[in-house]
Every structure is written in C-alpha cells, then in structure tokens.
Amino acid sequence: PDLTGLINIVFLILIFFLVAATLRPFSAREIKLAVSPGAHSEAVSPGQLVVFADGRIQYRGVEMELSDLNQRLADDAASNRRAPFTIVADARADAQRVLAVVLEAKVAGFRSVSLLTERKVRP
C-alpha cells in the first residue's frame, strides 16, 4: 500500500508541535508576572527584556549585566524612540533591580517604558 499520504500527515503534525512548543506563553515558563488590578491592556511583544526572580537580565535572548544593557538599549532607542518598550519582570524579582532596568531604558532614550503584568481576574 501507498503510505506517502500518511507520512506527509505525520510530518505536518510534527512541524505543528515543534512550532507550538516554541510559542508557549510566559505562564508556562519560569516567569511569574506581577498582578495588575487594572483592566487596561495593550498589544505588546513580550520577551524583549526580561528580569528574572534571581536578578538575571535577558535582552533579546541574550543574558547580560546591567552595565552592558545601556549601550544595547541606546542603539535600539536611536532607531525608534517612539516605539513602546516593554519589560517583562518576574513578580518575585527585587523591586530595586526592576526599577534600575526601567531607568536604564529611560536613560537610553525610550519615551514609553511599561511593565508587562498579569491582569487580576475577578471571581
């Protein structure tokens, strides 16, 4: 019997699961977002700058120190200062560390800096 069609379907399903696994939301990762009581939400592209609970900073997939972050942010801010800049911070992260990252983004030249939070669900 001809199994070409079955093999094609198996490969398509495999590709689907590979893509779906890489697009998991932050709730499935090691980040616990802070909870915000506000109902306002905006479309953002999360994952640009992440502050983990242990204080690590990751910018565009590359882990770096706070001192190295300023130059990278300044280069990106120079190309588009009006673009909103979103920081994804773990709720367990040190508030001073998160504030330092926010200030670095403002100093680098981003006009709009926001923190990605999880909206509080009312029962």
N, C-alpha and C. Protein backbone atom coordinates (compact mmCIF):
# COMPACT_ATOMS: atom_id res chain seq x y z
N PRO A 1 0.82 -1.20 0.00
CA PRO A 1 0.00 0.00 0.00
C PRO A 1 0.86 1.26 0.00
N ASP A 2 0.30 2.34 -0.54
CA ASP A 2 0.99 3.62 -0.64
C ASP A 2 0.86 4.40 0.66
N LEU A 3 1.97 4.65 1.33
CA LEU A 3 1.97 5.34 2.63
C LEU A 3 2.43 6.79 2.53
N THR A 4 2.56 7.30 1.34
CA THR A 4 3.05 8.67 1.15
C THR A 4 2.16 9.69 1.84
N GLY A 5 0.85 9.56 1.71
CA GLY A 5 -0.07 10.49 2.34
C GLY A 5 0.03 10.46 3.86
N LEU A 6 0.15 9.27 4.42
CA LEU A 6 0.26 9.13 5.87
C LEU A 6 1.56 9.75 6.37
N ILE A 7 2.64 9.54 5.65
CA ILE A 7 3.93 10.12 6.04
C ILE A 7 3.88 11.64 5.98
N ASN A 8 3.22 12.19 4.98
CA ASN A 8 3.08 13.64 4.87
C ASN A 8 2.31 14.21 6.06
N ILE A 9 1.26 13.53 6.47
CA ILE A 9 0.46 14.00 7.60
C ILE A 9 1.26 13.92 8.89
N VAL A 10 2.03 12.87 9.07
CA VAL A 10 2.86 12.74 10.27
C VAL A 10 3.88 13.87 10.34
N PHE A 11 4.51 14.21 9.22
CA PHE A 11 5.47 15.31 9.20
C PHE A 11 4.79 16.64 9.48
N LEU A 12 3.61 16.87 8.96
CA LEU A 12 2.89 18.12 9.24
C LEU A 12 2.53 18.24 10.72
N ILE A 13 2.11 17.15 11.32
CA ILE A 13 1.80 17.16 12.74
C ILE A 13 3.07 17.41 13.55
N LEU A 14 4.17 16.81 13.15
CA LEU A 14 5.45 17.02 13.84
C LEU A 14 5.85 18.50 13.78
N ILE A 15 5.75 19.10 12.62
CA ILE A 15 6.09 20.52 12.46
C ILE A 15 5.18 21.38 13.32
N PHE A 16 3.88 21.06 13.35
CA PHE A 16 2.93 21.81 14.16
C PHE A 16 3.34 21.79 15.63
N PHE A 17 3.67 20.62 16.15
CA PHE A 17 4.03 20.53 17.56
C PHE A 17 5.36 21.22 17.86
N LEU A 18 6.29 21.20 16.94
CA LEU A 18 7.55 21.90 17.14
C LEU A 18 7.33 23.40 17.22
N VAL A 19 6.49 23.94 16.34
CA VAL A 19 6.20 25.37 16.36
C VAL A 19 5.38 25.74 17.59
N ALA A 20 4.39 24.94 17.92
CA ALA A 20 3.53 25.24 19.08
C ALA A 20 4.33 25.19 20.38
N ALA A 21 5.32 24.36 20.48
CA ALA A 21 6.12 24.26 21.70
C ALA A 21 6.98 25.49 21.91
N THR A 22 7.41 26.14 20.84
CA THR A 22 8.25 27.32 20.98
C THR A 22 7.43 28.58 21.23
N LEU A 23 6.13 28.54 21.05
CA LEU A 23 5.29 29.71 21.23
C LEU A 23 4.48 29.68 22.52
N ARG A 24 4.99 29.01 23.55
CA ARG A 24 4.23 28.93 24.79
C ARG A 24 4.21 30.29 25.48
N PRO A 25 3.15 30.58 26.20
CA PRO A 25 3.05 31.87 26.89
C PRO A 25 3.96 31.92 28.10
N PHE A 26 4.14 33.12 28.67
CA PHE A 26 5.03 33.29 29.81
C PHE A 26 4.56 32.51 31.02
N SER A 27 3.27 32.24 31.14
CA SER A 27 2.79 31.50 32.29
C SER A 27 3.34 30.08 32.32
N ALA A 28 3.76 29.57 31.18
CA ALA A 28 4.30 28.23 31.11
C ALA A 28 5.82 28.22 31.31
N ARG A 29 6.41 29.38 31.41
CA ARG A 29 7.86 29.46 31.61
C ARG A 29 8.17 29.69 33.07
N GLU A 30 9.40 30.05 33.36
CA GLU A 30 9.81 30.24 34.74
C GLU A 30 9.53 31.64 35.25
N ILE A 31 8.74 32.42 34.53
CA ILE A 31 8.41 33.79 34.92
C ILE A 31 7.02 33.81 35.56
N LYS A 32 6.93 34.44 36.71
CA LYS A 32 5.63 34.67 37.35
C LYS A 32 5.39 36.16 37.28
N LEU A 33 4.43 36.58 36.46
CA LEU A 33 4.18 38.00 36.25
C LEU A 33 3.52 38.63 37.47
N ALA A 34 3.78 39.91 37.65
CA ALA A 34 3.11 40.67 38.70
C ALA A 34 1.64 40.82 38.30
N VAL A 35 0.78 40.94 39.31
CA VAL A 35 -0.65 41.06 39.06
C VAL A 35 -1.05 42.53 39.10
N SER A 36 -1.80 42.96 38.09
CA SER A 36 -2.27 44.33 38.00
C SER A 36 -3.78 44.35 38.09
N PRO A 37 -4.36 45.19 38.96
CA PRO A 37 -5.82 45.22 39.08
C PRO A 37 -6.50 45.92 37.93
N GLY A 38 -5.77 46.68 37.13
CA GLY A 38 -6.38 47.44 36.04
C GLY A 38 -6.85 46.55 34.91
N ALA A 39 -7.86 47.05 34.20
CA ALA A 39 -8.41 46.28 33.09
C ALA A 39 -7.81 46.72 31.76
N HIS A 40 -6.94 47.72 31.79
CA HIS A 40 -6.35 48.23 30.56
C HIS A 40 -5.30 47.26 30.04
N SER A 41 -5.38 46.91 28.80
CA SER A 41 -4.33 46.07 28.21
C SER A 41 -4.02 46.58 26.83
N GLU A 42 -2.79 46.39 26.42
CA GLU A 42 -2.38 46.82 25.10
C GLU A 42 -1.59 45.72 24.44
N ALA A 43 -1.54 45.77 23.14
CA ALA A 43 -0.80 44.74 22.40
C ALA A 43 0.68 45.04 22.51
N VAL A 44 1.44 44.10 23.03
CA VAL A 44 2.88 44.26 23.17
C VAL A 44 3.55 43.01 22.65
N SER A 45 4.82 43.13 22.39
CA SER A 45 5.59 41.95 22.02
C SER A 45 6.47 41.58 23.20
N PRO A 46 5.99 40.70 24.08
CA PRO A 46 6.74 40.37 25.27
C PRO A 46 8.01 39.60 24.96
N GLY A 47 8.91 39.62 25.93
CA GLY A 47 10.12 38.85 25.79
C GLY A 47 11.29 39.64 25.30
N GLN A 48 11.12 40.94 25.07
CA GLN A 48 12.25 41.73 24.63
C GLN A 48 13.26 41.86 25.75
N LEU A 49 12.83 42.34 26.91
CA LEU A 49 13.72 42.47 28.04
C LEU A 49 13.06 41.78 29.23
N VAL A 50 13.75 40.82 29.82
CA VAL A 50 13.18 40.01 30.90
C VAL A 50 14.08 40.13 32.12
N VAL A 51 13.44 40.39 33.29
CA VAL A 51 14.14 40.39 34.56
C VAL A 51 13.63 39.19 35.34
N PHE A 52 14.52 38.25 35.63
CA PHE A 52 14.15 37.01 36.31
C PHE A 52 14.14 37.23 37.83
N ALA A 53 13.56 36.28 38.55
CA ALA A 53 13.44 36.38 40.01
C ALA A 53 14.80 36.47 40.69
N ASP A 54 15.80 35.82 40.13
CA ASP A 54 17.13 35.85 40.74
C ASP A 54 17.96 37.06 40.33
N GLY A 55 17.36 37.98 39.55
CA GLY A 55 18.04 39.21 39.16
C GLY A 55 18.71 39.18 37.81
N ARG A 56 18.72 38.02 37.16
CA ARG A 56 19.33 37.94 35.83
C ARG A 56 18.54 38.81 34.86
N ILE A 57 19.23 39.37 33.87
CA ILE A 57 18.60 40.20 32.83
C ILE A 57 18.86 39.53 31.49
N GLN A 58 17.80 39.42 30.71
CA GLN A 58 17.93 38.84 29.38
C GLN A 58 17.31 39.82 28.39
N TYR A 59 18.10 40.23 27.39
CA TYR A 59 17.62 41.17 26.38
C TYR A 59 17.73 40.52 25.02
N ARG A 60 16.60 40.34 24.39
CA ARG A 60 16.51 39.70 23.08
C ARG A 60 17.20 38.34 23.06
N GLY A 61 16.99 37.59 24.12
CA GLY A 61 17.51 36.23 24.19
C GLY A 61 18.93 36.11 24.68
N VAL A 62 19.60 37.24 24.95
CA VAL A 62 21.00 37.22 25.39
C VAL A 62 21.06 37.70 26.84
N GLU A 63 21.66 36.88 27.71
CA GLU A 63 21.81 37.27 29.10
C GLU A 63 22.95 38.26 29.22
N MET A 64 22.71 39.34 30.00
CA MET A 64 23.73 40.37 30.15
C MET A 64 23.62 41.05 31.50
N GLU A 65 24.66 41.79 31.83
CA GLU A 65 24.69 42.56 33.08
C GLU A 65 24.03 43.92 32.84
N LEU A 66 23.65 44.56 33.94
CA LEU A 66 23.01 45.86 33.86
C LEU A 66 23.92 46.90 33.22
N SER A 67 25.21 46.81 33.49
CA SER A 67 26.17 47.77 32.92
C SER A 67 26.28 47.65 31.40
N ASP A 68 26.08 46.46 30.85
CA ASP A 68 26.15 46.27 29.40
C ASP A 68 24.84 46.63 28.71
N LEU A 69 23.78 46.70 29.49
CA LEU A 69 22.45 46.91 28.92
C LEU A 69 22.28 48.30 28.33
N ASN A 70 22.89 49.30 28.93
CA ASN A 70 22.68 50.68 28.49
C ASN A 70 23.05 50.89 27.03
N GLN A 71 24.19 50.39 26.60
CA GLN A 71 24.62 50.59 25.21
C GLN A 71 23.70 49.88 24.24
N ARG A 72 23.28 48.65 24.57
CA ARG A 72 22.36 47.91 23.69
C ARG A 72 21.03 48.63 23.57
N LEU A 73 20.53 49.14 24.69
CA LEU A 73 19.26 49.86 24.66
C LEU A 73 19.39 51.18 23.90
N ALA A 74 20.50 51.86 24.08
CA ALA A 74 20.72 53.13 23.38
C ALA A 74 20.75 52.92 21.87
N ASP A 75 21.37 51.85 21.42
CA ASP A 75 21.40 51.56 19.99
C ASP A 75 20.00 51.32 19.45
N ASP A 76 19.18 50.58 20.20
CA ASP A 76 17.81 50.30 19.76
C ASP A 76 16.91 51.53 19.86
N ALA A 77 17.12 52.34 20.89
CA ALA A 77 16.30 53.54 21.06
C ALA A 77 16.60 54.57 19.98
N ALA A 78 17.83 54.60 19.50
CA ALA A 78 18.20 55.57 18.46
C ALA A 78 17.42 55.33 17.18
N SER A 79 17.10 54.07 16.89
CA SER A 79 16.38 53.77 15.66
C SER A 79 14.89 54.07 15.75
N ASN A 80 14.31 53.97 16.95
CA ASN A 80 12.87 54.23 17.08
C ASN A 80 12.54 54.60 18.52
N ARG A 81 12.65 55.89 18.84
CA ARG A 81 12.40 56.37 20.20
C ARG A 81 10.92 56.34 20.58
N ARG A 82 10.05 56.43 19.61
CA ARG A 82 8.62 56.49 19.90
C ARG A 82 8.00 55.11 20.14
N ALA A 83 8.72 54.07 19.80
CA ALA A 83 8.18 52.72 19.99
C ALA A 83 8.04 52.43 21.48
N PRO A 84 6.92 51.84 21.90
CA PRO A 84 6.79 51.48 23.32
C PRO A 84 7.76 50.35 23.66
N PHE A 85 8.38 50.46 24.82
CA PHE A 85 9.35 49.47 25.26
C PHE A 85 8.76 48.72 26.45
N THR A 86 8.67 47.41 26.36
CA THR A 86 8.04 46.60 27.39
C THR A 86 9.08 45.76 28.11
N ILE A 87 8.99 45.78 29.44
CA ILE A 87 9.87 44.98 30.28
C ILE A 87 9.02 43.90 30.94
N VAL A 88 9.47 42.67 30.84
CA VAL A 88 8.79 41.54 31.49
C VAL A 88 9.59 41.23 32.74
N ALA A 89 8.98 41.51 33.91
CA ALA A 89 9.67 41.30 35.17
C ALA A 89 8.94 40.26 36.00
N ASP A 90 9.69 39.35 36.56
CA ASP A 90 9.12 38.35 37.44
C ASP A 90 8.59 39.05 38.69
N ALA A 91 7.44 38.61 39.20
CA ALA A 91 6.85 39.23 40.38
C ALA A 91 7.74 39.04 41.61
N ARG A 92 8.58 38.02 41.60
CA ARG A 92 9.48 37.75 42.72
C ARG A 92 10.80 38.48 42.60
N ALA A 93 11.01 39.22 41.51
CA ALA A 93 12.27 39.94 41.30
C ALA A 93 12.36 41.11 42.27
N ASP A 94 13.59 41.47 42.61
CA ASP A 94 13.84 42.59 43.50
C ASP A 94 13.35 43.88 42.84
N ALA A 95 12.55 44.65 43.57
CA ALA A 95 11.96 45.87 43.01
C ALA A 95 13.02 46.88 42.61
N GLN A 96 14.11 46.97 43.38
CA GLN A 96 15.19 47.90 43.03
C GLN A 96 15.86 47.50 41.72
N ARG A 97 15.99 46.20 41.50
CA ARG A 97 16.60 45.72 40.26
C ARG A 97 15.71 46.06 39.07
N VAL A 98 14.40 45.86 39.23
CA VAL A 98 13.46 46.18 38.15
C VAL A 98 13.46 47.68 37.88
N LEU A 99 13.46 48.49 38.93
CA LEU A 99 13.48 49.94 38.77
C LEU A 99 14.76 50.39 38.07
N ALA A 100 15.89 49.75 38.39
CA ALA A 100 17.15 50.09 37.72
C ALA A 100 17.07 49.79 36.23
N VAL A 101 16.42 48.69 35.87
CA VAL A 101 16.26 48.35 34.44
C VAL A 101 15.34 49.36 33.76
N VAL A 102 14.26 49.76 34.42
CA VAL A 102 13.35 50.77 33.86
C VAL A 102 14.10 52.08 33.64
N LEU A 103 14.89 52.50 34.62
CA LEU A 103 15.66 53.74 34.48
C LEU A 103 16.68 53.65 33.35
N GLU A 104 17.31 52.49 33.18
CA GLU A 104 18.25 52.31 32.07
C GLU A 104 17.55 52.50 30.73
N ALA A 105 16.32 51.97 30.61
CA ALA A 105 15.57 52.13 29.37
C ALA A 105 15.21 53.59 29.13
N LYS A 106 14.84 54.31 30.19
CA LYS A 106 14.51 55.73 30.04
C LYS A 106 15.74 56.54 29.68
N VAL A 107 16.87 56.26 30.33
CA VAL A 107 18.11 56.97 30.04
C VAL A 107 18.58 56.69 28.61
N ALA A 108 18.34 55.47 28.14
CA ALA A 108 18.76 55.10 26.79
C ALA A 108 17.98 55.85 25.73
N GLY A 109 16.80 56.38 26.10
CA GLY A 109 16.07 57.21 25.15
C GLY A 109 14.66 56.74 24.80
N PHE A 110 14.19 55.66 25.39
CA PHE A 110 12.82 55.22 25.12
C PHE A 110 11.86 56.16 25.85
N ARG A 111 10.86 56.67 25.14
CA ARG A 111 9.91 57.59 25.74
C ARG A 111 8.84 56.88 26.54
N SER A 112 8.44 55.70 26.07
CA SER A 112 7.37 54.95 26.73
C SER A 112 7.91 53.60 27.19
N VAL A 113 8.04 53.45 28.50
CA VAL A 113 8.52 52.20 29.09
C VAL A 113 7.40 51.65 29.97
N SER A 114 7.05 50.38 29.77
CA SER A 114 5.98 49.78 30.57
C SER A 114 6.40 48.40 31.04
N LEU A 115 5.75 47.97 32.14
CA LEU A 115 5.97 46.64 32.69
C LEU A 115 4.82 45.75 32.30
N LEU A 116 5.13 44.56 31.83
CA LEU A 116 4.11 43.59 31.48
C LEU A 116 3.62 42.93 32.76
N THR A 117 2.30 42.99 32.99
CA THR A 117 1.72 42.39 34.19
C THR A 117 0.59 41.46 33.78
N GLU A 118 0.17 40.68 34.73
CA GLU A 118 -0.95 39.77 34.52
C GLU A 118 -2.19 40.44 35.10
N ARG A 119 -3.25 40.50 34.33
CA ARG A 119 -4.47 41.16 34.80
C ARG A 119 -5.13 40.31 35.87
N LYS A 120 -5.53 40.96 36.95
CA LYS A 120 -6.20 40.26 38.05
C LYS A 120 -7.61 39.87 37.61
N VAL A 121 -7.93 38.59 37.75
CA VAL A 121 -9.24 38.10 37.35
C VAL A 121 -10.17 38.18 38.55
N ARG A 122 -11.30 38.83 38.34
CA ARG A 122 -12.29 38.96 39.43
C ARG A 122 -13.20 37.74 39.41
N PRO A 123 -13.45 37.17 40.60
CA PRO A 123 -14.29 35.97 40.67
C PRO A 123 -15.75 36.26 40.38
